[in-house]
Amino acid sequence: MTVPFYPWTVWIWAAFDPALIVVAVYLGWTASQFGKVFIAAIAALGFSVLFSWAVSAAGIPWPAPITHDGPTFFPVRAVAALLWAIFGYGARRAIARRA
């Protein structure tokens, strides 16, 4: 059995899932301590996976679908969720310093 090959664009779409970005940035923004960013990333990952699966199951086109026979790229989504949550946390801190 050969290992399936997926082009890099499929990997990028997993990191730039719109549901993942919105939830991770929002939860990172609302985190009051840096340690809560990790919890925000886990929550964003869980929500985005469930949302992407539900949208894909309904037959609606989605940039980063999750299907029973397609790739899920959980490691890519997990790292992206953490980076987006850190971005949201950092953006709020940067804006708070200016005010």
PDB file of N, CA and C in Angstrom:
ATOM      1  N   MET A   1       0.846  -1.181   0.000  1.00  0.00           N
ATOM      2  CA  MET A   1       0.000   0.000   0.000  1.00  0.00           C
ATOM      3  C   MET A   1       0.894   1.249   0.000  1.00  0.00           C
ATOM      4  N   THR A   2       0.608   2.139  -0.902  1.00  0.00           N
ATOM      5  CA  THR A   2       1.400   3.361  -0.984  1.00  0.00           C
ATOM      6  C   THR A   2       0.784   4.450  -0.122  1.00  0.00           C
ATOM      7  N   VAL A   3       1.641   5.321   0.316  1.00  0.00           N
ATOM      8  CA  VAL A   3       1.200   6.457   1.122  1.00  0.00           C
ATOM      9  C   VAL A   3       0.591   7.496   0.192  1.00  0.00           C
ATOM     10  N   PRO A   4      -0.601   8.007   0.525  1.00  0.00           N
ATOM     11  CA  PRO A   4      -1.217   9.009  -0.368  1.00  0.00           C
ATOM     12  C   PRO A   4      -0.423  10.305  -0.359  1.00  0.00           C
ATOM     13  N   PHE A   5      -0.409  10.956  -1.487  1.00  0.00           N
ATOM     14  CA  PHE A   5       0.282  12.235  -1.628  1.00  0.00           C
ATOM     15  C   PHE A   5      -0.759  13.342  -1.781  1.00  0.00           C
ATOM     16  N   TYR A   6      -0.608  14.371  -0.978  1.00  0.00           N
ATOM     17  CA  TYR A   6      -1.496  15.532  -1.065  1.00  0.00           C
ATOM     18  C   TYR A   6      -0.656  16.756  -1.372  1.00  0.00           C
ATOM     19  N   PRO A   7      -1.058  17.559  -2.347  1.00  0.00           N
ATOM     20  CA  PRO A   7      -0.277  18.755  -2.675  1.00  0.00           C
ATOM     21  C   PRO A   7      -0.272  19.746  -1.509  1.00  0.00           C
ATOM     22  N   TRP A   8       0.700  20.631  -1.512  1.00  0.00           N
ATOM     23  CA  TRP A   8       0.859  21.574  -0.406  1.00  0.00           C
ATOM     24  C   TRP A   8      -0.332  22.498  -0.257  1.00  0.00           C
ATOM     25  N   THR A   9      -1.087  22.722  -1.338  1.00  0.00           N
ATOM     26  CA  THR A   9      -2.249  23.599  -1.232  1.00  0.00           C
ATOM     27  C   THR A   9      -3.321  23.002  -0.319  1.00  0.00           C
ATOM     28  N   VAL A  10      -3.412  21.685  -0.277  1.00  0.00           N
ATOM     29  CA  VAL A  10      -4.371  21.040   0.623  1.00  0.00           C
ATOM     30  C   VAL A  10      -3.945  21.260   2.071  1.00  0.00           C
ATOM     31  N   TRP A  11      -2.648  21.210   2.305  1.00  0.00           N
ATOM     32  CA  TRP A  11      -2.125  21.444   3.668  1.00  0.00           C
ATOM     33  C   TRP A  11      -2.392  22.892   4.096  1.00  0.00           C
ATOM     34  N   ILE A  12      -2.215  23.820   3.176  1.00  0.00           N
ATOM     35  CA  ILE A  12      -2.435  25.239   3.488  1.00  0.00           C
ATOM     36  C   ILE A  12      -3.894  25.493   3.829  1.00  0.00           C
ATOM     37  N   TRP A  13      -4.830  24.883   3.073  1.00  0.00           N
ATOM     38  CA  TRP A  13      -6.254  25.082   3.352  1.00  0.00           C
ATOM     39  C   TRP A  13      -6.617  24.584   4.741  1.00  0.00           C
ATOM     40  N   ALA A  14      -5.956  23.544   5.219  1.00  0.00           N
ATOM     41  CA  ALA A  14      -6.233  23.048   6.571  1.00  0.00           C
ATOM     42  C   ALA A  14      -5.827  24.087   7.617  1.00  0.00           C
ATOM     43  N   ALA A  15      -4.758  24.815   7.374  1.00  0.00           N
ATOM     44  CA  ALA A  15      -4.302  25.843   8.317  1.00  0.00           C
ATOM     45  C   ALA A  15      -5.123  27.122   8.217  1.00  0.00           C
ATOM     46  N   PHE A  16      -5.692  27.384   7.044  1.00  0.00           N
ATOM     47  CA  PHE A  16      -6.462  28.607   6.837  1.00  0.00           C
ATOM     48  C   PHE A  16      -7.958  28.336   6.762  1.00  0.00           C
ATOM     49  N   ASP A  17      -8.420  27.380   7.539  1.00  0.00           N
ATOM     50  CA  ASP A  17      -9.846  27.086   7.648  1.00  0.00           C
ATOM     51  C   ASP A  17     -10.533  28.308   8.274  1.00  0.00           C
ATOM     52  N   PRO A  18     -11.521  28.902   7.610  1.00  0.00           N
ATOM     53  CA  PRO A  18     -12.149  30.120   8.136  1.00  0.00           C
ATOM     54  C   PRO A  18     -12.751  29.955   9.534  1.00  0.00           C
ATOM     55  N   ALA A  19     -13.364  28.819   9.810  1.00  0.00           N
ATOM     56  CA  ALA A  19     -13.939  28.591  11.142  1.00  0.00           C
ATOM     57  C   ALA A  19     -12.833  28.537  12.188  1.00  0.00           C
ATOM     58  N   LEU A  20     -11.741  27.912  11.855  1.00  0.00           N
ATOM     59  CA  LEU A  20     -10.602  27.824  12.770  1.00  0.00           C
ATOM     60  C   LEU A  20     -10.036  29.208  13.072  1.00  0.00           C
ATOM     61  N   ILE A  21      -9.884  30.009  12.057  1.00  0.00           N
ATOM     62  CA  ILE A  21      -9.316  31.348  12.236  1.00  0.00           C
ATOM     63  C   ILE A  21     -10.216  32.206  13.113  1.00  0.00           C
ATOM     64  N   VAL A  22     -11.496  32.240  12.803  1.00  0.00           N
ATOM     65  CA  VAL A  22     -12.422  33.100  13.552  1.00  0.00           C
ATOM     66  C   VAL A  22     -12.470  32.707  15.024  1.00  0.00           C
ATOM     67  N   VAL A  23     -12.628  31.428  15.296  1.00  0.00           N
ATOM     68  CA  VAL A  23     -12.757  30.984  16.687  1.00  0.00           C
ATOM     69  C   VAL A  23     -11.439  31.136  17.438  1.00  0.00           C
ATOM     70  N   ALA A  24     -10.323  30.775  16.823  1.00  0.00           N
ATOM     71  CA  ALA A  24      -9.027  30.871  17.503  1.00  0.00           C
ATOM     72  C   ALA A  24      -8.651  32.318  17.805  1.00  0.00           C
ATOM     73  N   VAL A  25      -8.850  33.206  16.849  1.00  0.00           N
ATOM     74  CA  VAL A  25      -8.515  34.619  17.081  1.00  0.00           C
ATOM     75  C   VAL A  25      -9.425  35.205  18.155  1.00  0.00           C
ATOM     76  N   TYR A  26     -10.714  34.889  18.098  1.00  0.00           N
ATOM     77  CA  TYR A  26     -11.634  35.420  19.104  1.00  0.00           C
ATOM     78  C   TYR A  26     -11.289  34.912  20.504  1.00  0.00           C
ATOM     79  N   LEU A  27     -11.071  33.612  20.632  1.00  0.00           N
ATOM     80  CA  LEU A  27     -10.751  33.063  21.952  1.00  0.00           C
ATOM     81  C   LEU A  27      -9.377  33.522  22.427  1.00  0.00           C
ATOM     82  N   GLY A  28      -8.431  33.667  21.518  1.00  0.00           N
ATOM     83  CA  GLY A  28      -7.127  34.222  21.887  1.00  0.00           C
ATOM     84  C   GLY A  28      -7.254  35.677  22.328  1.00  0.00           C
ATOM     85  N   TRP A  29      -8.125  36.413  21.675  1.00  0.00           N
ATOM     86  CA  TRP A  29      -8.367  37.821  22.023  1.00  0.00           C
ATOM     87  C   TRP A  29      -8.941  37.930  23.431  1.00  0.00           C
ATOM     88  N   THR A  30      -9.842  37.021  23.787  1.00  0.00           N
ATOM     89  CA  THR A  30     -10.504  37.102  25.089  1.00  0.00           C
ATOM     90  C   THR A  30      -9.697  36.458  26.212  1.00  0.00           C
ATOM     91  N   ALA A  31      -8.591  35.799  25.893  1.00  0.00           N
ATOM     92  CA  ALA A  31      -7.769  35.162  26.929  1.00  0.00           C
ATOM     93  C   ALA A  31      -7.111  36.233  27.791  1.00  0.00           C
ATOM     94  N   SER A  32      -7.234  36.102  29.106  1.00  0.00           N
ATOM     95  CA  SER A  32      -6.664  37.096  30.010  1.00  0.00           C
ATOM     96  C   SER A  32      -5.231  36.757  30.412  1.00  0.00           C
ATOM     97  N   GLN A  33      -4.816  35.522  30.212  1.00  0.00           N
ATOM     98  CA  GLN A  33      -3.452  35.097  30.515  1.00  0.00           C
ATOM     99  C   GLN A  33      -2.946  34.256  29.348  1.00  0.00           C
ATOM    100  N   PHE A  34      -1.621  34.224  29.196  1.00  0.00           N
ATOM    101  CA  PHE A  34      -1.064  33.511  28.051  1.00  0.00           C
ATOM    102  C   PHE A  34      -1.357  32.013  28.120  1.00  0.00           C
ATOM    103  N   GLY A  35      -1.413  31.441  29.294  1.00  0.00           N
ATOM    104  CA  GLY A  35      -1.699  30.018  29.427  1.00  0.00           C
ATOM    105  C   GLY A  35      -3.058  29.631  28.883  1.00  0.00           C
ATOM    106  N   LYS A  36      -3.981  30.565  28.898  1.00  0.00           N
ATOM    107  CA  LYS A  36      -5.322  30.289  28.378  1.00  0.00           C
ATOM    108  C   LYS A  36      -5.355  30.223  26.855  1.00  0.00           C
ATOM    109  N   VAL A  37      -4.290  30.666  26.223  1.00  0.00           N
ATOM    110  CA  VAL A  37      -4.207  30.594  24.763  1.00  0.00           C
ATOM    111  C   VAL A  37      -4.194  29.136  24.311  1.00  0.00           C
ATOM    112  N   PHE A  38      -3.568  28.268  25.081  1.00  0.00           N
ATOM    113  CA  PHE A  38      -3.529  26.848  24.724  1.00  0.00           C
ATOM    114  C   PHE A  38      -4.925  26.225  24.812  1.00  0.00           C
ATOM    115  N   ILE A  39      -5.673  26.617  25.821  1.00  0.00           N
ATOM    116  CA  ILE A  39      -7.054  26.146  25.941  1.00  0.00           C
ATOM    117  C   ILE A  39      -7.890  26.698  24.798  1.00  0.00           C
ATOM    118  N   ALA A  40      -7.653  27.943  24.438  1.00  0.00           N
ATOM    119  CA  ALA A  40      -8.367  28.549  23.309  1.00  0.00           C
ATOM    120  C   ALA A  40      -8.063  27.801  22.016  1.00  0.00           C
ATOM    121  N   ALA A  41      -6.817  27.397  21.834  1.00  0.00           N
ATOM    122  CA  ALA A  41      -6.436  26.669  20.619  1.00  0.00           C
ATOM    123  C   ALA A  41      -7.115  25.305  20.566  1.00  0.00           C
ATOM    124  N   ILE A  42      -7.182  24.611  21.693  1.00  0.00           N
ATOM    125  CA  ILE A  42      -7.846  23.305  21.717  1.00  0.00           C
ATOM    126  C   ILE A  42      -9.331  23.454  21.415  1.00  0.00           C
ATOM    127  N   ALA A  43      -9.955  24.463  22.006  1.00  0.00           N
ATOM    128  CA  ALA A  43     -11.383  24.695  21.760  1.00  0.00           C
ATOM    129  C   ALA A  43     -11.630  25.075  20.299  1.00  0.00           C
ATOM    130  N   ALA A  44     -10.772  25.912  19.745  1.00  0.00           N
ATOM    131  CA  ALA A  44     -10.921  26.312  18.344  1.00  0.00           C
ATOM    132  C   ALA A  44     -10.731  25.124  17.415  1.00  0.00           C
ATOM    133  N   LEU A  45      -9.775  24.256  17.735  1.00  0.00           N
ATOM    134  CA  LEU A  45      -9.560  23.057  16.930  1.00  0.00           C
ATOM    135  C   LEU A  45     -10.793  22.163  16.957  1.00  0.00           C
ATOM    136  N   GLY A  46     -11.320  21.928  18.137  1.00  0.00           N
ATOM    137  CA  GLY A  46     -12.507  21.089  18.257  1.00  0.00           C
ATOM    138  C   GLY A  46     -13.699  21.658  17.525  1.00  0.00           C
ATOM    139  N   PHE A  47     -13.936  22.941  17.682  1.00  0.00           N
ATOM    140  CA  PHE A  47     -15.072  23.570  17.005  1.00  0.00           C
ATOM    141  C   PHE A  47     -14.903  23.528  15.494  1.00  0.00           C
ATOM    142  N   SER A  48     -13.717  23.863  15.016  1.00  0.00           N
ATOM    143  CA  SER A  48     -13.531  23.926  13.567  1.00  0.00           C
ATOM    144  C   SER A  48     -13.640  22.548  12.918  1.00  0.00           C
ATOM    145  N   VAL A  49     -13.160  21.516  13.607  1.00  0.00           N
ATOM    146  CA  VAL A  49     -13.270  20.170  13.055  1.00  0.00           C
ATOM    147  C   VAL A  49     -14.738  19.755  12.988  1.00  0.00           C
ATOM    148  N   LEU A  50     -15.484  19.985  14.053  1.00  0.00           N
ATOM    149  CA  LEU A  50     -16.901  19.629  14.046  1.00  0.00           C
ATOM    150  C   LEU A  50     -17.679  20.448  13.021  1.00  0.00           C
ATOM    151  N   PHE A  51     -17.376  21.732  12.933  1.00  0.00           N
ATOM    152  CA  PHE A  51     -18.066  22.588  11.976  1.00  0.00           C
ATOM    153  C   PHE A  51     -17.743  22.180  10.541  1.00  0.00           C
ATOM    154  N   SER A  52     -16.474  21.938  10.256  1.00  0.00           N
ATOM    155  CA  SER A  52     -16.081  21.529   8.902  1.00  0.00           C
ATOM    156  C   SER A  52     -16.685  20.188   8.534  1.00  0.00           C
ATOM    157  N   TRP A  53     -16.740  19.278   9.495  1.00  0.00           N
ATOM    158  CA  TRP A  53     -17.355  17.975   9.232  1.00  0.00           C
ATOM    159  C   TRP A  53     -18.848  18.132   8.947  1.00  0.00           C
ATOM    160  N   ALA A  54     -19.551  18.965   9.735  1.00  0.00           N
ATOM    161  CA  ALA A  54     -20.985  19.162   9.539  1.00  0.00           C
ATOM    162  C   ALA A  54     -21.273  19.814   8.192  1.00  0.00           C
ATOM    163  N   VAL A  55     -20.480  20.794   7.829  1.00  0.00           N
ATOM    164  CA  VAL A  55     -20.669  21.468   6.540  1.00  0.00           C
ATOM    165  C   VAL A  55     -20.398  20.496   5.397  1.00  0.00           C
ATOM    166  N   SER A  56     -19.338  19.717   5.531  1.00  0.00           N
ATOM    167  CA  SER A  56     -19.008  18.738   4.482  1.00  0.00           C
ATOM    168  C   SER A  56     -20.075  17.651   4.381  1.00  0.00           C
ATOM    169  N   ALA A  57     -20.593  17.212   5.527  1.00  0.00           N
ATOM    170  CA  ALA A  57     -21.632  16.181   5.524  1.00  0.00           C
ATOM    171  C   ALA A  57     -22.928  16.686   4.890  1.00  0.00           C
ATOM    172  N   ALA A  58     -23.183  17.984   5.016  1.00  0.00           N
ATOM    173  CA  ALA A  58     -24.381  18.569   4.422  1.00  0.00           C
ATOM    174  C   ALA A  58     -24.224  18.784   2.916  1.00  0.00           C
ATOM    175  N   GLY A  59     -23.016  18.607   2.401  1.00  0.00           N
ATOM    176  CA  GLY A  59     -22.785  18.761   0.970  1.00  0.00           C
ATOM    177  C   GLY A  59     -22.499  20.183   0.540  1.00  0.00           C
ATOM    178  N   ILE A  60     -22.251  21.052   1.496  1.00  0.00           N
ATOM    179  CA  ILE A  60     -21.943  22.447   1.189  1.00  0.00           C
ATOM    180  C   ILE A  60     -20.442  22.557   0.902  1.00  0.00           C
ATOM    181  N   PRO A  61     -20.047  23.225  -0.163  1.00  0.00           N
ATOM    182  CA  PRO A  61     -18.614  23.370  -0.448  1.00  0.00           C
ATOM    183  C   PRO A  61     -17.918  24.155   0.668  1.00  0.00           C
ATOM    184  N   TRP A  62     -16.751  23.679   1.086  1.00  0.00           N
ATOM    185  CA  TRP A  62     -16.000  24.308   2.169  1.00  0.00           C
ATOM    186  C   TRP A  62     -14.528  24.254   1.800  1.00  0.00           C
ATOM    187  N   PRO A  63     -13.764  25.303   2.098  1.00  0.00           N
ATOM    188  CA  PRO A  63     -12.351  25.317   1.700  1.00  0.00           C
ATOM    189  C   PRO A  63     -11.521  24.197   2.328  1.00  0.00           C
ATOM    190  N   ALA A  64     -11.855  23.795   3.542  1.00  0.00           N
ATOM    191  CA  ALA A  64     -11.086  22.749   4.232  1.00  0.00           C
ATOM    192  C   ALA A  64     -12.039  21.660   4.708  1.00  0.00           C
ATOM    193  N   PRO A  65     -12.556  20.847   3.786  1.00  0.00           N
ATOM    194  CA  PRO A  65     -13.551  19.850   4.176  1.00  0.00           C
ATOM    195  C   PRO A  65     -12.948  18.697   4.966  1.00  0.00           C
ATOM    196  N   ILE A  66     -13.782  18.095   5.792  1.00  0.00           N
ATOM    197  CA  ILE A  66     -13.405  16.873   6.500  1.00  0.00           C
ATOM    198  C   ILE A  66     -14.414  15.815   6.079  1.00  0.00           C
ATOM    199  N   THR A  67     -13.921  14.808   5.391  1.00  0.00           N
ATOM    200  CA  THR A  67     -14.779  13.726   4.932  1.00  0.00           C
ATOM    201  C   THR A  67     -14.213  12.397   5.418  1.00  0.00           C
ATOM    202  N   HIS A  68     -14.991  11.343   5.249  1.00  0.00           N
ATOM    203  CA  HIS A  68     -14.548  10.037   5.722  1.00  0.00           C
ATOM    204  C   HIS A  68     -13.388   9.476   4.902  1.00  0.00           C
ATOM    205  N   ASP A  69     -13.217   9.917   3.687  1.00  0.00           N
ATOM    206  CA  ASP A  69     -12.134   9.400   2.853  1.00  0.00           C
ATOM    207  C   ASP A  69     -11.068  10.446   2.535  1.00  0.00           C
ATOM    208  N   GLY A  70     -11.213  11.651   3.037  1.00  0.00           N
ATOM    209  CA  GLY A  70     -10.245  12.708   2.770  1.00  0.00           C
ATOM    210  C   GLY A  70      -9.306  12.931   3.947  1.00  0.00           C
ATOM    211  N   PRO A  71      -8.294  13.739   3.740  1.00  0.00           N
ATOM    212  CA  PRO A  71      -7.346  14.010   4.821  1.00  0.00           C
ATOM    213  C   PRO A  71      -7.941  14.973   5.850  1.00  0.00           C
ATOM    214  N   THR A  72      -7.567  14.796   7.101  1.00  0.00           N
ATOM    215  CA  THR A  72      -8.038  15.698   8.155  1.00  0.00           C
ATOM    216  C   THR A  72      -6.953  16.667   8.592  1.00  0.00           C
ATOM    217  N   PHE A  73      -5.701  16.257   8.507  1.00  0.00           N
ATOM    218  CA  PHE A  73      -4.554  17.103   8.861  1.00  0.00           C
ATOM    219  C   PHE A  73      -4.673  17.681  10.265  1.00  0.00           C
ATOM    220  N   PHE A  74      -4.957  16.829  11.243  1.00  0.00           N
ATOM    221  CA  PHE A  74      -5.079  17.307  12.620  1.00  0.00           C
ATOM    222  C   PHE A  74      -3.823  18.016  13.132  1.00  0.00           C
ATOM    223  N   PRO A  75      -2.614  17.532  12.841  1.00  0.00           N
ATOM    224  CA  PRO A  75      -1.435  18.267  13.321  1.00  0.00           C
ATOM    225  C   PRO A  75      -1.341  19.677  12.737  1.00  0.00           C
ATOM    226  N   VAL A  76      -1.667  19.801  11.448  1.00  0.00           N
ATOM    227  CA  VAL A  76      -1.618  21.127  10.810  1.00  0.00           C
ATOM    228  C   VAL A  76      -2.667  22.040  11.425  1.00  0.00           C
ATOM    229  N   ARG A  77      -3.859  21.523  11.630  1.00  0.00           N
ATOM    230  CA  ARG A  77      -4.932  22.318  12.232  1.00  0.00           C
ATOM    231  C   ARG A  77      -4.601  22.701  13.676  1.00  0.00           C
ATOM    232  N   ALA A  78      -3.976  21.792  14.424  1.00  0.00           N
ATOM    233  CA  ALA A  78      -3.641  22.075  15.823  1.00  0.00           C
ATOM    234  C   ALA A  78      -2.592  23.179  15.925  1.00  0.00           C
ATOM    235  N   VAL A  79      -1.556  23.099  15.119  1.00  0.00           N
ATOM    236  CA  VAL A  79      -0.518  24.135  15.134  1.00  0.00           C
ATOM    237  C   VAL A  79      -1.090  25.463  14.656  1.00  0.00           C
ATOM    238  N   ALA A  80      -1.925  25.419  13.617  1.00  0.00           N
ATOM    239  CA  ALA A  80      -2.540  26.650  13.115  1.00  0.00           C
ATOM    240  C   ALA A  80      -3.458  27.266  14.167  1.00  0.00           C
ATOM    241  N   ALA A  81      -4.211  26.438  14.892  1.00  0.00           N
ATOM    242  CA  ALA A  81      -5.090  26.966  15.944  1.00  0.00           C
ATOM    243  C   ALA A  81      -4.270  27.670  17.012  1.00  0.00           C
ATOM    244  N   LEU A  82      -3.154  27.077  17.387  1.00  0.00           N
ATOM    245  CA  LEU A  82      -2.295  27.703  18.397  1.00  0.00           C
ATOM    246  C   LEU A  82      -1.722  29.022  17.882  1.00  0.00           C
ATOM    247  N   LEU A  83      -1.256  29.035  16.656  1.00  0.00           N
ATOM    248  CA  LEU A  83      -0.692  30.273  16.098  1.00  0.00           C
ATOM    249  C   LEU A  83      -1.748  31.369  15.952  1.00  0.00           C
ATOM    250  N   TRP A  84      -2.952  31.007  15.505  1.00  0.00           N
ATOM    251  CA  TRP A  84      -4.012  32.010  15.382  1.00  0.00           C
ATOM    252  C   TRP A  84      -4.439  32.527  16.756  1.00  0.00           C
ATOM    253  N   ALA A  85      -4.490  31.661  17.767  1.00  0.00           N
ATOM    254  CA  ALA A  85      -4.854  32.104  19.116  1.00  0.00           C
ATOM    255  C   ALA A  85      -3.776  33.019  19.686  1.00  0.00           C
ATOM    256  N   ILE A  86      -2.511  32.699  19.449  1.00  0.00           N
ATOM    257  CA  ILE A  86      -1.420  33.577  19.893  1.00  0.00           C
ATOM    258  C   ILE A  86      -1.508  34.917  19.181  1.00  0.00           C
ATOM    259  N   PHE A  87      -1.860  34.895  17.903  1.00  0.00           N
ATOM    260  CA  PHE A  87      -2.033  36.145  17.164  1.00  0.00           C
ATOM    261  C   PHE A  87      -3.136  36.997  17.784  1.00  0.00           C
ATOM    262  N   GLY A  88      -4.270  36.386  18.110  1.00  0.00           N
ATOM    263  CA  GLY A  88      -5.360  37.130  18.734  1.00  0.00           C
ATOM    264  C   GLY A  88      -4.968  37.687  20.090  1.00  0.00           C
ATOM    265  N   TYR A  89      -4.266  36.885  20.884  1.00  0.00           N
ATOM    266  CA  TYR A  89      -3.808  37.339  22.203  1.00  0.00           C
ATOM    267  C   TYR A  89      -2.819  38.497  22.054  1.00  0.00           C
ATOM    268  N   GLY A  90      -1.875  38.359  21.136  1.00  0.00           N
ATOM    269  CA  GLY A  90      -0.880  39.413  20.920  1.00  0.00           C
ATOM    270  C   GLY A  90      -1.484  40.688  20.367  1.00  0.00           C
ATOM    271  N   ALA A  91      -2.469  40.556  19.501  1.00  0.00           N
ATOM    272  CA  ALA A  91      -3.116  41.742  18.934  1.00  0.00           C
ATOM    273  C   ALA A  91      -3.824  42.532  20.019  1.00  0.00           C
ATOM    274  N   ARG A  92      -4.496  41.831  20.919  1.00  0.00           N
ATOM    275  CA  ARG A  92      -5.183  42.540  22.002  1.00  0.00           C
ATOM    276  C   ARG A  92      -4.177  43.219  22.915  1.00  0.00           C
ATOM    277  N   ARG A  93      -3.079  42.552  23.223  1.00  0.00           N
ATOM    278  CA  ARG A  93      -2.050  43.156  24.074  1.00  0.00           C
ATOM    279  C   ARG A  93      -1.437  44.378  23.405  1.00  0.00           C
ATOM    280  N   ALA A  94      -1.194  44.298  22.108  1.00  0.00           N
ATOM    281  CA  ALA A  94      -0.592  45.421  21.392  1.00  0.00           C
ATOM    282  C   ALA A  94      -1.536  46.620  21.355  1.00  0.00           C
ATOM    283  N   ILE A  95      -2.819  46.367  21.172  1.00  0.00           N
ATOM    284  CA  ILE A  95      -3.791  47.468  21.146  1.00  0.00           C
ATOM    285  C   ILE A  95      -3.963  48.054  22.541  1.00  0.00           C
ATOM    286  N   ALA A  96      -3.926  47.215  23.567  1.00  0.00           N
ATOM    287  CA  ALA A  96      -4.090  47.703  24.944  1.00  0.00           C
ATOM    288  C   ALA A  96      -2.931  48.590  25.364  1.00  0.00           C
ATOM    289  N   ARG A  97      -1.731  48.310  24.854  1.00  0.00           N
ATOM    290  CA  ARG A  97      -0.572  49.150  25.205  1.00  0.00           C
ATOM    291  C   ARG A  97      -0.686  50.546  24.629  1.00  0.00           C
ATOM    292  N   ARG A  98      -1.288  50.659  23.474  1.00  0.00           N
ATOM    293  CA  ARG A  98      -1.411  51.963  22.820  1.00  0.00           C
ATOM    294  C   ARG A  98      -2.490  52.820  23.465  1.00  0.00           C
ATOM    295  N   ALA A  99      -3.459  52.191  24.096  1.00  0.00           N
ATOM    296  CA  ALA A  99      -4.576  52.947  24.672  1.00  0.00           C
ATOM    297  C   ALA A  99      -4.250  53.476  26.037  1.00  0.00           C
TER     298      ALA A  99
END
